[in-house]
Amino acid sequence: TLEYAYDDYAVAMMAKKLGKTADYKQLIKRAGYYSNVFDKGTGMVRGRHADGTWVSPYAPDNKAYYITEGTPRQYTFYVPQDVPGLARLMGGAGGLENALDSIFTKNEYWHGNEPGHQIPFMYNFTASPWKTQREVRHILATEYGDGPGGLSGNDDAGQMSAWYMFGAMGLYPLNPVSGQYLLSSPIFDKITVRLGNGKIVEIVTHKTSKAAQYIYAVKWNRQVFNNNYITYDTIVKGGRLDIYLQEQPDKQWGARQGMQPKGI
């Protein structure tokens, strides 16, 4: 249900672009069906029978027969098309932040399973995007290496490596269809991306110290940039993204709702 909801969202965006309004309306409604398997009693997704009853017993951190890989807690966050909608089911952005905290404090985040790769970046939809910067840096440092077993899971058509590249660059397409790239802290001092249209994007990192990893300011083409995400339409024109880092979290940068990515 969760994965088909995202698929329907993706096709809905295609239908909208093509002017197929009836198809769009049907598909975008189905994109919201993720809510049908969200149990407000547990605050997580849960298997459901055809008669509407929940699968019991419920163990959120154990593998279940209705999930191919992973646990209910891990799959709860697979709503890339509508993270704000998922947050509302959890009682608001604060509820989403608490749920994200729980998966990391319980050590239940599983980087080796690709359907959870968006989870660390979802703090950008809350008042604490600095936690995305913290968790992404931790994963880059602990889940990858240059020796045997250097990937924490099967690369699966390059996804594990792609996550590393985006995380290292400080950009991540949590919902690729939306054209929104969520910002985090790059590990490189300077990155040059040559786009297919001949344009160039430079990402330049400014650190107050070697240990700096938290964003306190961002500029696009030398103008102050307040959002904690940047769009494909902006990037594809080419330009320069300056990201300023310090050692302590800046709990104001990118924290307001108007600075956060959008849902459906």
Protein backbone atom coordinates (compact mmCIF):
# COMPACT_ATOMS: atom_id res chain seq x y z
CA THR A 1 0.00 0.00 0.00
CA LEU A 2 2.77 2.44 0.92
CA GLU A 3 4.83 1.82 -2.20
CA TYR A 4 1.82 1.82 -4.56
CA ALA A 5 0.69 5.12 -3.03
CA TYR A 6 3.99 6.69 -4.07
CA ASP A 7 3.76 5.08 -7.52
CA ASP A 8 0.26 6.53 -7.96
CA TYR A 9 1.54 9.95 -6.91
CA ALA A 10 4.31 9.77 -9.51
CA VAL A 11 1.88 8.86 -12.30
CA ALA A 12 -0.55 11.53 -11.04
CA MET A 13 2.12 14.17 -11.60
CA MET A 14 2.60 12.89 -15.15
CA ALA A 15 -1.16 12.97 -15.76
CA LYS A 16 -1.34 16.55 -14.45
CA LYS A 17 1.46 17.62 -16.77
CA LEU A 18 -0.35 16.02 -19.71
CA GLY A 19 -3.62 17.75 -18.82
CA LYS A 20 -5.41 14.47 -18.05
CA THR A 21 -7.45 15.91 -15.19
CA ALA A 22 -9.69 12.88 -14.53
CA ASP A 23 -6.69 10.56 -14.29
CA TYR A 24 -4.89 13.04 -12.06
CA LYS A 25 -7.80 13.29 -9.61
CA GLN A 26 -8.14 9.51 -9.34
CA LEU A 27 -4.41 8.91 -8.93
CA ILE A 28 -3.75 11.72 -6.45
CA LYS A 29 -6.56 10.36 -4.27
CA ARG A 30 -4.90 6.95 -4.32
CA ALA A 31 -1.59 8.60 -3.42
CA GLY A 32 -3.16 9.32 -0.03
CA TYR A 33 -4.10 5.69 0.65
CA TYR A 34 -1.02 5.35 2.87
CA SER A 35 -3.26 6.72 5.61
CA ASN A 36 -5.40 3.55 5.39
CA VAL A 37 -2.62 1.52 7.00
CA PHE A 38 -1.65 4.11 9.62
CA ASP A 39 -2.87 3.08 13.06
CA LYS A 40 -3.36 6.20 15.19
CA GLY A 41 -3.48 3.99 18.27
CA THR A 42 0.17 2.99 17.82
CA GLY A 43 1.29 6.02 15.78
CA MET A 44 2.75 3.72 13.13
CA VAL A 45 1.74 1.73 10.06
CA ARG A 46 0.35 -1.71 10.59
CA GLY A 47 -0.89 -4.67 8.57
CA ARG A 48 -4.63 -4.62 7.96
CA HIS A 49 -7.04 -7.36 6.92
CA ALA A 50 -9.62 -7.02 4.14
CA ASP A 51 -12.37 -6.53 6.73
CA GLY A 52 -10.54 -3.51 8.14
CA THR A 53 -9.23 -5.10 11.34
CA TRP A 54 -5.57 -4.70 12.28
CA VAL A 55 -3.17 -7.63 12.27
CA SER A 56 -2.46 -8.73 15.83
CA PRO A 57 -0.33 -9.10 17.81
CA TYR A 58 1.62 -5.96 16.90
CA ALA A 59 5.38 -5.78 17.38
CA PRO A 60 6.67 -2.60 15.71
CA ASP A 61 10.35 -3.60 15.81
CA ASN A 62 9.98 -7.17 14.57
CA LYS A 63 9.76 -8.39 11.00
CA ALA A 64 6.19 -9.14 9.96
CA TYR A 65 4.74 -11.39 7.27
CA TYR A 66 3.01 -8.43 5.59
CA ILE A 67 6.36 -6.68 4.96
CA THR A 68 8.95 -8.09 2.57
CA GLU A 69 11.91 -6.43 4.28
CA GLY A 70 12.04 -4.32 7.42
CA THR A 71 9.74 -3.63 10.36
CA PRO A 72 6.55 -1.59 10.83
CA ARG A 73 8.49 1.20 12.59
CA GLN A 74 10.93 1.42 9.68
CA TYR A 75 8.22 1.39 7.02
CA THR A 76 6.10 3.98 8.82
CA PHE A 77 8.27 6.69 7.24
CA TYR A 78 7.83 5.52 3.64
CA VAL A 79 5.59 8.37 2.56
CA PRO A 80 8.01 10.45 0.45
CA GLN A 81 5.16 12.07 -1.50
CA ASP A 82 3.48 13.56 1.56
CA VAL A 83 5.67 13.88 4.65
CA PRO A 84 3.53 16.81 5.95
CA GLY A 85 0.46 14.55 5.67
CA LEU A 86 2.23 11.80 7.60
CA ALA A 87 3.17 14.39 10.24
CA ARG A 88 -0.49 15.37 10.62
CA LEU A 89 -1.39 11.73 11.30
CA MET A 90 1.29 11.79 14.01
CA GLY A 91 -0.20 14.89 15.63
CA GLY A 92 1.91 17.48 13.80
CA ALA A 93 5.55 18.20 13.00
CA GLY A 94 6.46 17.65 16.66
CA GLY A 95 4.98 14.16 16.51
CA LEU A 96 6.98 13.40 13.39
CA GLU A 97 10.15 14.62 15.09
CA ASN A 98 9.47 12.42 18.11
CA ALA A 99 8.87 9.42 15.86
CA LEU A 100 12.14 10.10 14.02
CA ASP A 101 13.95 10.45 17.34
CA SER A 102 12.58 7.08 18.43
CA ILE A 103 13.96 5.18 15.45
CA PHE A 104 17.46 6.54 16.06
CA THR A 105 17.49 6.33 19.86
CA LYS A 106 16.25 2.75 19.67
CA ASN A 107 18.94 2.01 17.07
CA GLU A 108 16.23 0.77 14.71
CA TYR A 109 17.37 2.74 11.66
CA TRP A 110 18.63 0.21 9.11
CA HIS A 111 20.73 1.83 6.42
CA GLY A 112 21.16 -1.49 4.60
CA ASN A 113 17.50 -1.39 3.58
CA GLU A 114 16.90 1.21 0.87
CA PRO A 115 13.19 1.96 1.57
CA GLY A 116 14.38 3.74 4.72
CA HIS A 117 17.03 5.91 3.10
CA GLN A 118 14.85 9.04 3.29
CA ILE A 119 14.41 8.80 7.07
CA PRO A 120 17.48 10.84 8.20
CA PHE A 121 16.49 13.70 5.89
CA MET A 122 12.92 13.89 7.16
CA TYR A 123 13.94 16.17 10.04
CA ASN A 124 13.92 18.92 7.37
CA PHE A 125 10.12 18.72 7.63
CA THR A 126 10.32 19.51 11.37
CA ALA A 127 11.62 22.36 13.53
CA SER A 128 14.95 20.53 13.88
CA PRO A 129 16.69 20.21 10.50
CA TRP A 130 19.98 20.22 12.41
CA LYS A 131 19.18 16.62 13.36
CA THR A 132 19.29 15.69 9.66
CA GLN A 133 22.79 17.15 9.51
CA ARG A 134 23.82 15.15 12.58
CA GLU A 135 22.36 11.82 11.47
CA VAL A 136 23.55 12.05 7.87
CA ARG A 137 27.10 12.83 8.97
CA HIS A 138 26.99 9.88 11.38
CA ILE A 139 25.80 7.50 8.66
CA LEU A 140 28.43 8.70 6.18
CA ALA A 141 31.11 8.06 8.80
CA THR A 142 29.92 4.69 10.11
CA GLU A 143 28.07 2.87 7.33
CA TYR A 144 30.66 3.23 4.56
CA GLY A 145 34.31 2.25 4.26
CA ASP A 146 36.97 1.50 1.66
CA GLY A 147 37.64 -2.09 2.73
CA PRO A 148 35.72 -5.38 2.39
CA GLY A 149 32.11 -4.88 3.41
CA GLY A 150 32.41 -1.16 2.71
CA LEU A 151 28.68 -0.89 2.00
CA SER A 152 26.12 -1.63 4.69
CA GLY A 153 23.89 -3.42 2.19
CA ASN A 154 23.67 -4.68 -1.37
CA ASP A 155 24.22 -1.72 -3.70
CA ASP A 156 20.98 -2.62 -5.54
CA ALA A 157 21.47 -0.83 -8.88
CA GLY A 158 23.65 1.80 -7.22
CA GLN A 159 21.25 3.14 -4.57
CA MET A 160 23.61 2.63 -1.64
CA SER A 161 26.38 4.48 -3.48
CA ALA A 162 24.00 7.17 -4.74
CA TRP A 163 22.91 7.88 -1.16
CA TYR A 164 26.54 8.39 -0.20
CA MET A 165 27.14 10.80 -3.08
CA PHE A 166 24.06 12.89 -2.29
CA GLY A 167 24.77 12.83 1.44
CA ALA A 168 28.37 13.87 0.85
CA MET A 169 27.25 16.71 -1.45
CA GLY A 170 24.69 18.04 1.03
CA LEU A 171 21.67 17.50 -1.23
CA TYR A 172 19.09 14.71 -1.22
CA PRO A 173 16.04 14.07 -3.44
CA LEU A 174 13.75 12.61 -0.77
CA ASN A 175 10.87 12.81 -3.25
CA PRO A 176 12.53 12.82 -6.68
CA VAL A 177 9.26 13.51 -8.51
CA SER A 178 8.78 16.79 -6.61
CA GLY A 179 12.07 18.27 -7.81
CA GLN A 180 12.99 19.21 -4.22
CA TYR A 181 16.51 18.53 -2.92
CA LEU A 182 16.79 18.65 0.88
CA LEU A 183 19.89 20.38 2.24
CA SER A 184 22.37 18.95 4.73
CA SER A 185 26.05 19.62 5.42
CA PRO A 186 28.54 18.63 2.68
CA ILE A 187 31.76 16.85 3.60
CA PHE A 188 33.70 18.50 0.77
CA ASP A 189 35.09 22.03 0.71
CA LYS A 190 34.03 22.47 -2.92
CA ILE A 191 31.95 20.43 -5.34
CA THR A 192 31.45 21.12 -9.04
CA VAL A 193 28.51 19.51 -10.83
CA ARG A 194 28.42 19.71 -14.62
CA LEU A 195 24.81 19.48 -15.77
CA GLY A 196 23.66 17.94 -19.03
CA ASN A 197 22.52 21.32 -20.34
CA GLY A 198 26.05 22.71 -20.14
CA LYS A 199 25.43 24.64 -16.92
CA ILE A 200 27.58 24.25 -13.80
CA VAL A 201 26.57 24.15 -10.14
CA GLU A 202 29.21 24.85 -7.50
CA ILE A 203 28.70 23.91 -3.86
CA VAL A 204 31.17 25.72 -1.62
CA THR A 205 31.44 24.91 2.09
CA HIS A 206 32.64 27.45 4.66
CA LYS A 207 33.61 26.07 8.09
CA THR A 208 34.26 27.90 11.33
CA SER A 209 36.50 24.96 12.30
CA LYS A 210 37.55 21.54 11.05
CA ALA A 211 34.86 19.90 13.22
CA ALA A 212 32.04 22.15 11.97
CA GLN A 213 29.06 20.19 10.61
CA TYR A 214 25.94 22.24 11.37
CA ILE A 215 24.45 24.75 8.95
CA TYR A 216 23.96 28.31 10.17
CA ALA A 217 23.56 30.06 6.80
CA VAL A 218 23.11 29.31 3.10
CA LYS A 219 23.44 31.53 0.03
CA TRP A 220 22.42 30.91 -3.57
CA ASN A 221 24.32 33.05 -6.08
CA ARG A 222 25.56 35.10 -3.11
CA GLN A 223 22.02 35.95 -1.95
CA VAL A 224 20.72 34.75 1.43
CA PHE A 225 18.76 31.52 0.97
CA ASN A 226 16.41 30.64 3.84
CA ASN A 227 14.78 27.38 2.73
CA ASN A 228 16.21 24.06 3.91
CA TYR A 229 15.67 22.66 0.42
CA ILE A 230 16.41 23.80 -3.12
CA THR A 231 14.45 22.99 -6.27
CA TYR A 232 15.49 21.31 -9.49
CA ASP A 233 14.22 24.33 -11.45
CA THR A 234 16.69 26.49 -9.51
CA ILE A 235 19.64 24.12 -9.79
CA VAL A 236 19.23 23.41 -13.50
CA LYS A 237 19.88 27.08 -14.31
CA GLY A 238 23.36 26.73 -12.84
CA GLY A 239 24.86 28.79 -10.06
CA ARG A 240 26.70 28.72 -6.76
CA LEU A 241 25.46 27.32 -3.45
CA ASP A 242 27.41 28.50 -0.39
CA ILE A 243 26.83 26.53 2.82
CA TYR A 244 28.20 27.87 6.12
CA LEU A 245 28.93 25.40 8.93
CA GLN A 246 29.68 25.69 12.63
CA GLU A 247 30.35 23.18 15.44
CA GLN A 248 27.11 23.66 17.38
CA PRO A 249 23.59 23.16 15.98
CA ASP A 250 21.83 26.31 14.80
CA LYS A 251 18.28 25.60 15.93
CA GLN A 252 16.82 28.52 13.97
CA TRP A 253 18.18 27.83 10.48
CA GLY A 254 15.53 26.25 8.23
CA ALA A 255 13.30 25.54 11.23
CA ARG A 256 10.12 27.43 10.30
CA GLN A 257 7.35 25.76 8.31
CA GLY A 258 7.69 28.18 5.40
CA MET A 259 11.31 27.08 4.97
CA GLN A 260 10.45 23.38 4.71
CA PRO A 261 9.75 21.14 1.68
CA LYS A 262 6.19 20.71 0.46
CA GLY A 263 3.96 17.62 0.22
CA ILE A 264 1.10 16.76 -2.14
